[in-house]
Amino acid sequence: EIAVINLENARVGCAACNPGWCAAPSWIYLIRIALPDSRRWIKLGYSR
């Protein structure tokens, strides 16, 4: 049984066979964020 949002965002592993996110390959990302009021930000993060 898995939360729908977690499965859609791939933030889940099989309890029987998955080694877990900490052992799986991942990515560090940099993104631009544009708001409707013309403000501009950036974000640094990571995700599988």
All heavy atoms as atom14 arrays in JSON, in Angstrom:
{
  "sequence": "EIAVINLENARVGCAACNPGWCAAPSWIYLIRIALPDSRRWIKLGYSR",
  "atom14_mask": [
    [1, 1, 1, 1, 1, 1, 1, 1, 1, 0, 0, 0, 0, 0],
    [1, 1, 1, 1, 1, 1, 1, 1, 0, 0, 0, 0, 0, 0],
    [1, 1, 1, 1, 1, 0, 0, 0, 0, 0, 0, 0, 0, 0],
    [1, 1, 1, 1, 1, 1, 1, 0, 0, 0, 0, 0, 0, 0],
    [1, 1, 1, 1, 1, 1, 1, 1, 0, 0, 0, 0, 0, 0],
    [1, 1, 1, 1, 1, 1, 1, 1, 0, 0, 0, 0, 0, 0],
    [1, 1, 1, 1, 1, 1, 1, 1, 0, 0, 0, 0, 0, 0],
    [1, 1, 1, 1, 1, 1, 1, 1, 1, 0, 0, 0, 0, 0],
    [1, 1, 1, 1, 1, 1, 1, 1, 0, 0, 0, 0, 0, 0],
    [1, 1, 1, 1, 1, 0, 0, 0, 0, 0, 0, 0, 0, 0],
    [1, 1, 1, 1, 1, 1, 1, 1, 1, 1, 1, 0, 0, 0],
    [1, 1, 1, 1, 1, 1, 1, 0, 0, 0, 0, 0, 0, 0],
    [1, 1, 1, 1, 0, 0, 0, 0, 0, 0, 0, 0, 0, 0],
    [1, 1, 1, 1, 1, 1, 0, 0, 0, 0, 0, 0, 0, 0],
    [1, 1, 1, 1, 1, 0, 0, 0, 0, 0, 0, 0, 0, 0],
    [1, 1, 1, 1, 1, 0, 0, 0, 0, 0, 0, 0, 0, 0],
    [1, 1, 1, 1, 1, 1, 0, 0, 0, 0, 0, 0, 0, 0],
    [1, 1, 1, 1, 1, 1, 1, 1, 0, 0, 0, 0, 0, 0],
    [1, 1, 1, 1, 1, 1, 1, 0, 0, 0, 0, 0, 0, 0],
    [1, 1, 1, 1, 0, 0, 0, 0, 0, 0, 0, 0, 0, 0],
    [1, 1, 1, 1, 1, 1, 1, 1, 1, 1, 1, 1, 1, 1],
    [1, 1, 1, 1, 1, 1, 0, 0, 0, 0, 0, 0, 0, 0],
    [1, 1, 1, 1, 1, 0, 0, 0, 0, 0, 0, 0, 0, 0],
    [1, 1, 1, 1, 1, 0, 0, 0, 0, 0, 0, 0, 0, 0],
    [1, 1, 1, 1, 1, 1, 1, 0, 0, 0, 0, 0, 0, 0],
    [1, 1, 1, 1, 1, 1, 0, 0, 0, 0, 0, 0, 0, 0],
    [1, 1, 1, 1, 1, 1, 1, 1, 1, 1, 1, 1, 1, 1],
    [1, 1, 1, 1, 1, 1, 1, 1, 0, 0, 0, 0, 0, 0],
    [1, 1, 1, 1, 1, 1, 1, 1, 1, 1, 1, 1, 0, 0],
    [1, 1, 1, 1, 1, 1, 1, 1, 0, 0, 0, 0, 0, 0],
    [1, 1, 1, 1, 1, 1, 1, 1, 0, 0, 0, 0, 0, 0],
    [1, 1, 1, 1, 1, 1, 1, 1, 1, 1, 1, 0, 0, 0],
    [1, 1, 1, 1, 1, 1, 1, 1, 0, 0, 0, 0, 0, 0],
    [1, 1, 1, 1, 1, 0, 0, 0, 0, 0, 0, 0, 0, 0],
    [1, 1, 1, 1, 1, 1, 1, 1, 0, 0, 0, 0, 0, 0],
    [1, 1, 1, 1, 1, 1, 1, 0, 0, 0, 0, 0, 0, 0],
    [1, 1, 1, 1, 1, 1, 1, 1, 0, 0, 0, 0, 0, 0],
    [1, 1, 1, 1, 1, 1, 0, 0, 0, 0, 0, 0, 0, 0],
    [1, 1, 1, 1, 1, 1, 1, 1, 1, 1, 1, 0, 0, 0],
    [1, 1, 1, 1, 1, 1, 1, 1, 1, 1, 1, 0, 0, 0],
    [1, 1, 1, 1, 1, 1, 1, 1, 1, 1, 1, 1, 1, 1],
    [1, 1, 1, 1, 1, 1, 1, 1, 0, 0, 0, 0, 0, 0],
    [1, 1, 1, 1, 1, 1, 1, 1, 1, 0, 0, 0, 0, 0],
    [1, 1, 1, 1, 1, 1, 1, 1, 0, 0, 0, 0, 0, 0],
    [1, 1, 1, 1, 0, 0, 0, 0, 0, 0, 0, 0, 0, 0],
    [1, 1, 1, 1, 1, 1, 1, 1, 1, 1, 1, 1, 0, 0],
    [1, 1, 1, 1, 1, 1, 0, 0, 0, 0, 0, 0, 0, 0],
    [1, 1, 1, 1, 1, 1, 1, 1, 1, 1, 1, 0, 0, 0]
  ],
  "atom14_positions": [
    [[0.85, -1.18, 0.0], [0.0, 0.0, 0.0], [0.89, 1.25, 0.0], [1.74, 1.4, 0.88], [-0.95, -0.02, 1.21], [-1.96, -1.15, 1.12], [-2.98, -1.13, 2.24], [-2.85, -0.26, 3.14], [-3.91, -1.96, 2.21], [0.0, 0.0, 0.0], [0.0, 0.0, 0.0], [0.0, 0.0, 0.0], [0.0, 0.0, 0.0], [0.0, 0.0, 0.0]],
    [[0.66, 2.13, -1.0], [1.56, 3.26, -1.23], [0.73, 4.52, -1.4], [-0.34, 4.49, -2.01], [2.41, 3.02, -2.51], [3.16, 1.69, -2.41], [3.36, 4.17, -2.75], [3.82, 1.27, -3.72], [0.0, 0.0, 0.0], [0.0, 0.0, 0.0], [0.0, 0.0, 0.0], [0.0, 0.0, 0.0], [0.0, 0.0, 0.0], [0.0, 0.0, 0.0]],
    [[1.22, 5.63, -0.87], [0.58, 6.91, -1.1], [0.63, 7.23, -2.6], [1.67, 7.09, -3.24], [1.27, 8.01, -0.31], [0.0, 0.0, 0.0], [0.0, 0.0, 0.0], [0.0, 0.0, 0.0], [0.0, 0.0, 0.0], [0.0, 0.0, 0.0], [0.0, 0.0, 0.0], [0.0, 0.0, 0.0], [0.0, 0.0, 0.0], [0.0, 0.0, 0.0]],
    [[-0.49, 7.67, -3.15], [-0.57, 7.94, -4.59], [0.48, 8.96, -5.01], [1.16, 8.8, -6.02], [-1.99, 8.44, -4.96], [-2.03, 8.9, -6.41], [-3.0, 7.34, -4.73], [0.0, 0.0, 0.0], [0.0, 0.0, 0.0], [0.0, 0.0, 0.0], [0.0, 0.0, 0.0], [0.0, 0.0, 0.0], [0.0, 0.0, 0.0], [0.0, 0.0, 0.0]],
    [[0.63, 10.03, -4.23], [1.58, 11.08, -4.59], [3.01, 10.57, -4.59], [3.82, 10.96, -5.42], [1.42, 12.3, -3.64], [2.29, 13.47, -4.12], [1.75, 11.91, -2.22], [1.88, 14.02, -5.46], [0.0, 0.0, 0.0], [0.0, 0.0, 0.0], [0.0, 0.0, 0.0], [0.0, 0.0, 0.0], [0.0, 0.0, 0.0], [0.0, 0.0, 0.0]],
    [[3.33, 9.65, -3.67], [4.69, 9.11, -3.63], [4.98, 8.25, -4.85], [6.09, 8.31, -5.4], [4.88, 8.28, -2.35], [5.04, 9.15, -1.12], [5.26, 10.35, -1.22], [4.9, 8.54, 0.05], [0.0, 0.0, 0.0], [0.0, 0.0, 0.0], [0.0, 0.0, 0.0], [0.0, 0.0, 0.0], [0.0, 0.0, 0.0], [0.0, 0.0, 0.0]],
    [[3.99, 7.46, -5.28], [4.24, 6.64, -6.46], [4.34, 7.51, -7.71], [5.18, 7.28, -8.57], [3.14, 5.59, -6.64], [3.5, 4.55, -7.71], [3.22, 3.15, -7.22], [2.74, 4.8, -9.0], [0.0, 0.0, 0.0], [0.0, 0.0, 0.0], [0.0, 0.0, 0.0], [0.0, 0.0, 0.0], [0.0, 0.0, 0.0], [0.0, 0.0, 0.0]],
    [[3.48, 8.54, -7.82], [3.53, 9.42, -8.98], [4.86, 10.16, -9.05], [5.37, 10.42, -10.15], [2.38, 10.41, -8.93], [1.02, 9.77, -9.16], [-0.11, 10.77, -9.11], [0.15, 11.93, -8.7], [-1.24, 10.4, -9.47], [0.0, 0.0, 0.0], [0.0, 0.0, 0.0], [0.0, 0.0, 0.0], [0.0, 0.0, 0.0], [0.0, 0.0, 0.0]],
    [[5.44, 10.49, -7.9], [6.71, 11.2, -7.87], [7.9, 10.26, -7.75], [9.04, 10.72, -7.58], [6.73, 12.19, -6.7], [5.71, 13.29, -6.88], [5.4, 13.67, -7.99], [5.18, 13.79, -5.78], [0.0, 0.0, 0.0], [0.0, 0.0, 0.0], [0.0, 0.0, 0.0], [0.0, 0.0, 0.0], [0.0, 0.0, 0.0], [0.0, 0.0, 0.0]],
    [[7.63, 8.95, -7.84], [8.68, 7.92, -7.8], [9.48, 7.95, -6.51], [10.64, 7.57, -6.48], [9.61, 8.08, -9.01], [0.0, 0.0, 0.0], [0.0, 0.0, 0.0], [0.0, 0.0, 0.0], [0.0, 0.0, 0.0], [0.0, 0.0, 0.0], [0.0, 0.0, 0.0], [0.0, 0.0, 0.0], [0.0, 0.0, 0.0], [0.0, 0.0, 0.0]],
    [[8.84, 8.37, -5.42], [9.51, 8.4, -4.13], [9.07, 7.19, -3.31], [8.47, 7.32, -2.22], [9.2, 9.71, -3.4], [9.65, 10.94, -4.18], [9.23, 12.22, -3.5], [9.9, 12.42, -2.23], [11.08, 13.02, -2.1], [11.74, 13.44, -3.18], [11.62, 13.18, -0.92], [0.0, 0.0, 0.0], [0.0, 0.0, 0.0], [0.0, 0.0, 0.0]],
    [[9.32, 6.02, -3.86], [8.88, 4.79, -3.21], [9.78, 3.65, -3.68], [10.34, 3.69, -4.77], [7.41, 4.47, -3.56], [7.24, 4.21, -5.04], [6.9, 3.3, -2.75], [0.0, 0.0, 0.0], [0.0, 0.0, 0.0], [0.0, 0.0, 0.0], [0.0, 0.0, 0.0], [0.0, 0.0, 0.0], [0.0, 0.0, 0.0], [0.0, 0.0, 0.0]],
    [[9.91, 2.66, -2.83], [10.66, 1.47, -3.2], [9.91, 0.23, -2.76], [9.09, 0.27, -1.83], [0.0, 0.0, 0.0], [0.0, 0.0, 0.0], [0.0, 0.0, 0.0], [0.0, 0.0, 0.0], [0.0, 0.0, 0.0], [0.0, 0.0, 0.0], [0.0, 0.0, 0.0], [0.0, 0.0, 0.0], [0.0, 0.0, 0.0], [0.0, 0.0, 0.0]],
    [[10.17, -0.87, -3.42], [9.54, -2.13, -3.06], [10.17, -2.64, -1.77], [11.4, -2.79, -1.68], [9.72, -3.14, -4.19], [9.11, -4.79, -3.78], [0.0, 0.0, 0.0], [0.0, 0.0, 0.0], [0.0, 0.0, 0.0], [0.0, 0.0, 0.0], [0.0, 0.0, 0.0], [0.0, 0.0, 0.0], [0.0, 0.0, 0.0], [0.0, 0.0, 0.0]],
    [[9.33, -2.92, -0.79], [9.86, -3.39, 0.5], [10.51, -4.75, 0.39], [11.29, -5.14, 1.28], [8.72, -3.44, 1.52], [0.0, 0.0, 0.0], [0.0, 0.0, 0.0], [0.0, 0.0, 0.0], [0.0, 0.0, 0.0], [0.0, 0.0, 0.0], [0.0, 0.0, 0.0], [0.0, 0.0, 0.0], [0.0, 0.0, 0.0], [0.0, 0.0, 0.0]],
    [[10.24, -5.49, -0.68], [10.78, -6.84, -0.81], [12.11, -6.87, -1.54], [12.96, -7.7, -1.25], [9.78, -7.73, -1.53], [0.0, 0.0, 0.0], [0.0, 0.0, 0.0], [0.0, 0.0, 0.0], [0.0, 0.0, 0.0], [0.0, 0.0, 0.0], [0.0, 0.0, 0.0], [0.0, 0.0, 0.0], [0.0, 0.0, 0.0], [0.0, 0.0, 0.0]],
    [[12.3, -5.98, -2.51], [13.5, -6.14, -3.34], [14.28, -4.86, -3.6], [15.37, -4.91, -4.18], [13.12, -6.76, -4.69], [12.06, -5.69, -5.72], [0.0, 0.0, 0.0], [0.0, 0.0, 0.0], [0.0, 0.0, 0.0], [0.0, 0.0, 0.0], [0.0, 0.0, 0.0], [0.0, 0.0, 0.0], [0.0, 0.0, 0.0], [0.0, 0.0, 0.0]],
    [[13.77, -3.69, -3.21], [14.45, -2.44, -3.54], [15.5, -2.11, -2.5], [15.23, -2.18, -1.3], [13.43, -1.3, -3.63], [14.01, -0.07, -4.32], [14.89, 0.59, -3.78], [13.51, 0.22, -5.5], [0.0, 0.0, 0.0], [0.0, 0.0, 0.0], [0.0, 0.0, 0.0], [0.0, 0.0, 0.0], [0.0, 0.0, 0.0], [0.0, 0.0, 0.0]],
    [[16.68, -1.71, -2.91], [17.73, -1.39, -1.94], [17.51, -0.07, -1.23], [18.2, 0.25, -0.29], [18.99, -1.32, -2.81], [18.5, -0.92, -4.16], [17.17, -1.6, -4.3], [0.0, 0.0, 0.0], [0.0, 0.0, 0.0], [0.0, 0.0, 0.0], [0.0, 0.0, 0.0], [0.0, 0.0, 0.0], [0.0, 0.0, 0.0], [0.0, 0.0, 0.0]],
    [[16.53, 0.74, -1.69], [16.28, 2.03, -1.05], [16.92, 3.17, -1.82], [17.86, 2.99, -2.59], [0.0, 0.0, 0.0], [0.0, 0.0, 0.0], [0.0, 0.0, 0.0], [0.0, 0.0, 0.0], [0.0, 0.0, 0.0], [0.0, 0.0, 0.0], [0.0, 0.0, 0.0], [0.0, 0.0, 0.0], [0.0, 0.0, 0.0], [0.0, 0.0, 0.0]],
    [[16.38, 4.37, -1.59], [16.84, 5.53, -2.36], [18.3, 5.87, -2.1], [18.99, 6.36, -2.98], [15.97, 6.74, -2.01], [16.19, 7.25, -0.61], [15.52, 6.89, 0.51], [17.17, 8.2, -0.2], [16.01, 7.55, 1.61], [17.02, 8.38, 1.2], [18.15, 8.94, -0.86], [17.83, 9.23, 1.93], [18.96, 9.79, -0.13], [18.8, 9.94, 1.25]],
    [[18.78, 5.59, -0.88], [20.14, 6.02, -0.55], [21.19, 5.25, -1.34], [22.31, 5.73, -1.54], [20.39, 5.88, 0.95], [20.23, 4.2, 1.56], [0.0, 0.0, 0.0], [0.0, 0.0, 0.0], [0.0, 0.0, 0.0], [0.0, 0.0, 0.0], [0.0, 0.0, 0.0], [0.0, 0.0, 0.0], [0.0, 0.0, 0.0], [0.0, 0.0, 0.0]],
    [[20.84, 4.03, -1.81], [21.8, 3.24, -2.58], [21.58, 3.37, -4.08], [22.41, 2.91, -4.87], [21.71, 1.78, -2.17], [0.0, 0.0, 0.0], [0.0, 0.0, 0.0], [0.0, 0.0, 0.0], [0.0, 0.0, 0.0], [0.0, 0.0, 0.0], [0.0, 0.0, 0.0], [0.0, 0.0, 0.0], [0.0, 0.0, 0.0], [0.0, 0.0, 0.0]],
    [[20.45, 3.97, -4.5], [20.14, 4.08, -5.92], [20.76, 5.34, -6.52], [20.98, 6.33, -5.83], [18.63, 4.11, -6.12], [0.0, 0.0, 0.0], [0.0, 0.0, 0.0], [0.0, 0.0, 0.0], [0.0, 0.0, 0.0], [0.0, 0.0, 0.0], [0.0, 0.0, 0.0], [0.0, 0.0, 0.0], [0.0, 0.0, 0.0], [0.0, 0.0, 0.0]],
    [[21.04, 5.35, -7.82], [21.57, 6.55, -8.48], [20.62, 7.73, -8.32], [19.4, 7.57, -8.25], [21.68, 6.12, -9.94], [21.78, 4.64, -9.9], [20.94, 4.2, -8.73], [0.0, 0.0, 0.0], [0.0, 0.0, 0.0], [0.0, 0.0, 0.0], [0.0, 0.0, 0.0], [0.0, 0.0, 0.0], [0.0, 0.0, 0.0], [0.0, 0.0, 0.0]],
    [[21.18, 8.94, -8.23], [20.39, 10.13, -8.03], [20.96, 11.28, -8.85], [21.97, 11.12, -9.56], [20.36, 10.5, -6.54], [19.43, 11.54, -6.29], [0.0, 0.0, 0.0], [0.0, 0.0, 0.0], [0.0, 0.0, 0.0], [0.0, 0.0, 0.0], [0.0, 0.0, 0.0], [0.0, 0.0, 0.0], [0.0, 0.0, 0.0], [0.0, 0.0, 0.0]],
    [[20.32, 12.45, -8.78], [20.72, 13.62, -9.54], [20.71, 14.86, -8.64], [19.83, 15.01, -7.8], [19.75, 13.89, -10.71], [19.65, 12.76, -11.69], [18.95, 11.6, -11.55], [20.28, 12.69, -12.96], [19.09, 10.81, -12.65], [19.9, 11.45, -13.55], [21.12, 13.54, -13.69], [20.33, 11.06, -14.8], [21.56, 13.16, -14.94], [21.17, 11.93, -15.49]],
    [[21.66, 15.74, -8.86], [21.62, 17.09, -8.29], [21.18, 18.02, -9.4], [21.7, 17.95, -10.52], [22.99, 17.51, -7.74], [23.4, 16.58, -6.6], [22.97, 18.97, -7.27], [24.79, 16.88, -6.05], [0.0, 0.0, 0.0], [0.0, 0.0, 0.0], [0.0, 0.0, 0.0], [0.0, 0.0, 0.0], [0.0, 0.0, 0.0], [0.0, 0.0, 0.0]],
    [[20.2, 18.86, -9.11], [19.64, 19.7, -10.16], [19.68, 21.18, -9.79], [19.69, 21.54, -8.61], [18.2, 19.29, -10.48], [17.23, 19.43, -9.33], [16.68, 20.67, -8.98], [16.84, 18.31, -8.58], [15.79, 20.79, -7.92], [15.95, 18.43, -7.52], [15.44, 19.67, -7.2], [14.56, 19.8, -6.15], [0.0, 0.0, 0.0], [0.0, 0.0, 0.0]],
    [[19.7, 22.02, -10.8], [19.53, 23.46, -10.66], [18.4, 23.87, -11.58], [18.42, 23.53, -12.77], [20.81, 24.21, -11.03], [20.71, 25.75, -11.02], [20.43, 26.26, -9.63], [21.97, 26.39, -11.6], [0.0, 0.0, 0.0], [0.0, 0.0, 0.0], [0.0, 0.0, 0.0], [0.0, 0.0, 0.0], [0.0, 0.0, 0.0], [0.0, 0.0, 0.0]],
    [[17.42, 24.59, -11.04], [16.26, 24.99, -11.86], [16.02, 26.49, -11.72], [16.38, 27.12, -10.73], [14.99, 24.22, -11.43], [14.66, 24.49, -9.95], [15.13, 22.74, -11.69], [13.34, 23.9, -9.51], [0.0, 0.0, 0.0], [0.0, 0.0, 0.0], [0.0, 0.0, 0.0], [0.0, 0.0, 0.0], [0.0, 0.0, 0.0], [0.0, 0.0, 0.0]],
    [[15.4, 27.03, -12.76], [14.91, 28.41, -12.72], [13.42, 28.38, -12.39], [12.68, 27.54, -12.9], [15.11, 29.1, -14.08], [16.56, 29.25, -14.49], [16.67, 30.12, -15.74], [18.05, 30.2, -16.22], [18.5, 29.62, -17.33], [17.65, 28.94, -18.1], [19.76, 29.74, -17.69], [0.0, 0.0, 0.0], [0.0, 0.0, 0.0], [0.0, 0.0, 0.0]],
    [[12.99, 29.34, -11.59], [11.6, 29.44, -11.16], [11.07, 30.82, -11.54], [11.63, 31.83, -11.11], [11.47, 29.22, -9.64], [12.04, 27.85, -9.26], [10.02, 29.35, -9.2], [12.19, 27.65, -7.77], [0.0, 0.0, 0.0], [0.0, 0.0, 0.0], [0.0, 0.0, 0.0], [0.0, 0.0, 0.0], [0.0, 0.0, 0.0], [0.0, 0.0, 0.0]],
    [[9.99, 30.84, -12.34], [9.39, 32.11, -12.77], [7.99, 32.21, -12.18], [7.14, 31.35, -12.41], [9.33, 32.18, -14.29], [0.0, 0.0, 0.0], [0.0, 0.0, 0.0], [0.0, 0.0, 0.0], [0.0, 0.0, 0.0], [0.0, 0.0, 0.0], [0.0, 0.0, 0.0], [0.0, 0.0, 0.0], [0.0, 0.0, 0.0], [0.0, 0.0, 0.0]],
    [[7.73, 33.26, -11.41], [6.43, 33.48, -10.79], [5.56, 34.36, -11.69], [6.08, 35.13, -12.51], [6.58, 34.14, -9.42], [7.46, 33.41, -8.39], [7.36, 34.11, -7.06], [7.06, 31.96, -8.27], [0.0, 0.0, 0.0], [0.0, 0.0, 0.0], [0.0, 0.0, 0.0], [0.0, 0.0, 0.0], [0.0, 0.0, 0.0], [0.0, 0.0, 0.0]],
    [[4.25, 34.28, -11.55], [3.37, 35.11, -12.39], [3.51, 36.6, -12.13], [3.09, 37.41, -12.96], [1.96, 34.61, -12.01], [2.12, 33.91, -10.71], [3.49, 33.35, -10.69], [0.0, 0.0, 0.0], [0.0, 0.0, 0.0], [0.0, 0.0, 0.0], [0.0, 0.0, 0.0], [0.0, 0.0, 0.0], [0.0, 0.0, 0.0], [0.0, 0.0, 0.0]],
    [[4.12, 36.98, -10.99], [4.32, 38.41, -10.7], [5.69, 38.9, -11.17], [6.16, 39.96, -10.75], [4.14, 38.7, -9.21], [5.12, 37.89, -8.35], [6.04, 37.27, -8.91], [4.95, 37.88, -7.12], [0.0, 0.0, 0.0], [0.0, 0.0, 0.0], [0.0, 0.0, 0.0], [0.0, 0.0, 0.0], [0.0, 0.0, 0.0], [0.0, 0.0, 0.0]],
    [[6.37, 38.11, -12.02], [7.64, 38.47, -12.66], [8.85, 38.25, -11.77], [9.99, 38.5, -12.22], [7.64, 39.92, -13.16], [6.62, 40.11, -14.12], [0.0, 0.0, 0.0], [0.0, 0.0, 0.0], [0.0, 0.0, 0.0], [0.0, 0.0, 0.0], [0.0, 0.0, 0.0], [0.0, 0.0, 0.0], [0.0, 0.0, 0.0], [0.0, 0.0, 0.0]],
    [[8.7, 37.79, -10.55], [9.87, 37.46, -9.74], [10.54, 36.21, -10.29], [9.88, 35.31, -10.81], [9.46, 37.25, -8.28], [9.23, 38.54, -7.51], [8.88, 38.26, -6.06], [7.57, 37.64, -5.94], [7.06, 37.23, -4.78], [7.76, 37.36, -3.66], [5.84, 36.68, -4.74], [0.0, 0.0, 0.0], [0.0, 0.0, 0.0], [0.0, 0.0, 0.0]],
    [[11.88, 36.15, -10.16], [12.67, 35.04, -10.67], [13.58, 34.52, -9.57], [14.3, 35.29, -8.94], [13.51, 35.46, -11.88], [12.69, 35.95, -13.07], [11.88, 34.82, -13.66], [11.13, 35.23, -14.85], [9.89, 35.67, -14.82], [9.25, 35.76, -13.66], [9.27, 36.02, -15.93], [0.0, 0.0, 0.0], [0.0, 0.0, 0.0], [0.0, 0.0, 0.0]],
    [[13.53, 33.19, -9.34], [14.38, 32.56, -8.34], [15.08, 31.36, -8.98], [14.79, 30.97, -10.12], [13.55, 32.06, -7.16], [12.83, 33.12, -6.39], [13.23, 34.4, -6.19], [11.56, 32.97, -5.72], [12.31, 35.07, -5.42], [11.27, 34.22, -5.11], [10.66, 31.93, -5.54], [10.12, 34.44, -4.37], [9.51, 32.14, -4.8], [9.25, 33.38, -4.22]],
    [[16.0, 30.76, -8.22], [16.62, 29.5, -8.62], [16.6, 28.57, -7.41], [16.52, 29.03, -6.26], [18.06, 29.68, -9.14], [18.92, 30.39, -8.08], [18.09, 30.41, -10.46], [20.38, 30.47, -8.46], [0.0, 0.0, 0.0], [0.0, 0.0, 0.0], [0.0, 0.0, 0.0], [0.0, 0.0, 0.0], [0.0, 0.0, 0.0], [0.0, 0.0, 0.0]],
    [[16.66, 27.28, -7.68], [16.69, 26.3, -6.6], [17.69, 25.21, -6.93], [17.76, 24.72, -8.06], [15.31, 25.67, -6.37], [15.38, 24.51, -5.38], [14.06, 23.97, -4.99], [14.21, 22.67, -4.19], [15.13, 22.81, -3.03], [0.0, 0.0, 0.0], [0.0, 0.0, 0.0], [0.0, 0.0, 0.0], [0.0, 0.0, 0.0], [0.0, 0.0, 0.0]],
    [[18.45, 24.84, -5.9], [19.4, 23.74, -5.98], [18.85, 22.59, -5.15], [18.47, 22.79, -3.99], [20.77, 24.17, -5.45], [21.87, 23.11, -5.41], [22.28, 22.7, -6.83], [23.07, 23.65, -4.63], [0.0, 0.0, 0.0], [0.0, 0.0, 0.0], [0.0, 0.0, 0.0], [0.0, 0.0, 0.0], [0.0, 0.0, 0.0], [0.0, 0.0, 0.0]],
    [[18.79, 21.39, -5.72], [18.25, 20.26, -4.98], [18.74, 18.95, -5.55], [19.59, 18.91, -6.44], [0.0, 0.0, 0.0], [0.0, 0.0, 0.0], [0.0, 0.0, 0.0], [0.0, 0.0, 0.0], [0.0, 0.0, 0.0], [0.0, 0.0, 0.0], [0.0, 0.0, 0.0], [0.0, 0.0, 0.0], [0.0, 0.0, 0.0], [0.0, 0.0, 0.0]],
    [[18.19, 17.86, -5.03], [18.55, 16.54, -5.54], [17.29, 15.68, -5.6], [16.32, 15.91, -4.89], [19.6, 15.86, -4.65], [19.05, 15.31, -3.37], [18.61, 13.98, -3.26], [18.94, 16.12, -2.24], [18.08, 13.49, -2.09], [18.42, 15.63, -1.05], [17.99, 14.32, -0.98], [17.45, 13.83, 0.18], [0.0, 0.0, 0.0], [0.0, 0.0, 0.0]],
    [[17.29, 14.66, -6.47], [16.17, 13.75, -6.59], [16.59, 12.51, -7.35], [17.44, 12.57, -8.24], [15.0, 14.43, -7.32], [13.93, 13.51, -7.49], [0.0, 0.0, 0.0], [0.0, 0.0, 0.0], [0.0, 0.0, 0.0], [0.0, 0.0, 0.0], [0.0, 0.0, 0.0], [0.0, 0.0, 0.0], [0.0, 0.0, 0.0], [0.0, 0.0, 0.0]],
    [[15.97, 11.41, -6.99], [16.2, 10.17, -7.74], [15.52, 10.24, -9.11], [16.02, 9.7, -10.09], [15.65, 8.99, -6.93], [15.87, 7.63, -7.58], [15.33, 6.54, -6.67], [15.43, 5.23, -7.3], [14.96, 4.11, -6.77], [14.36, 4.15, -5.58], [15.08, 2.95, -7.41], [0.0, 0.0, 0.0], [0.0, 0.0, 0.0], [0.0, 0.0, 0.0]]
  ]
}
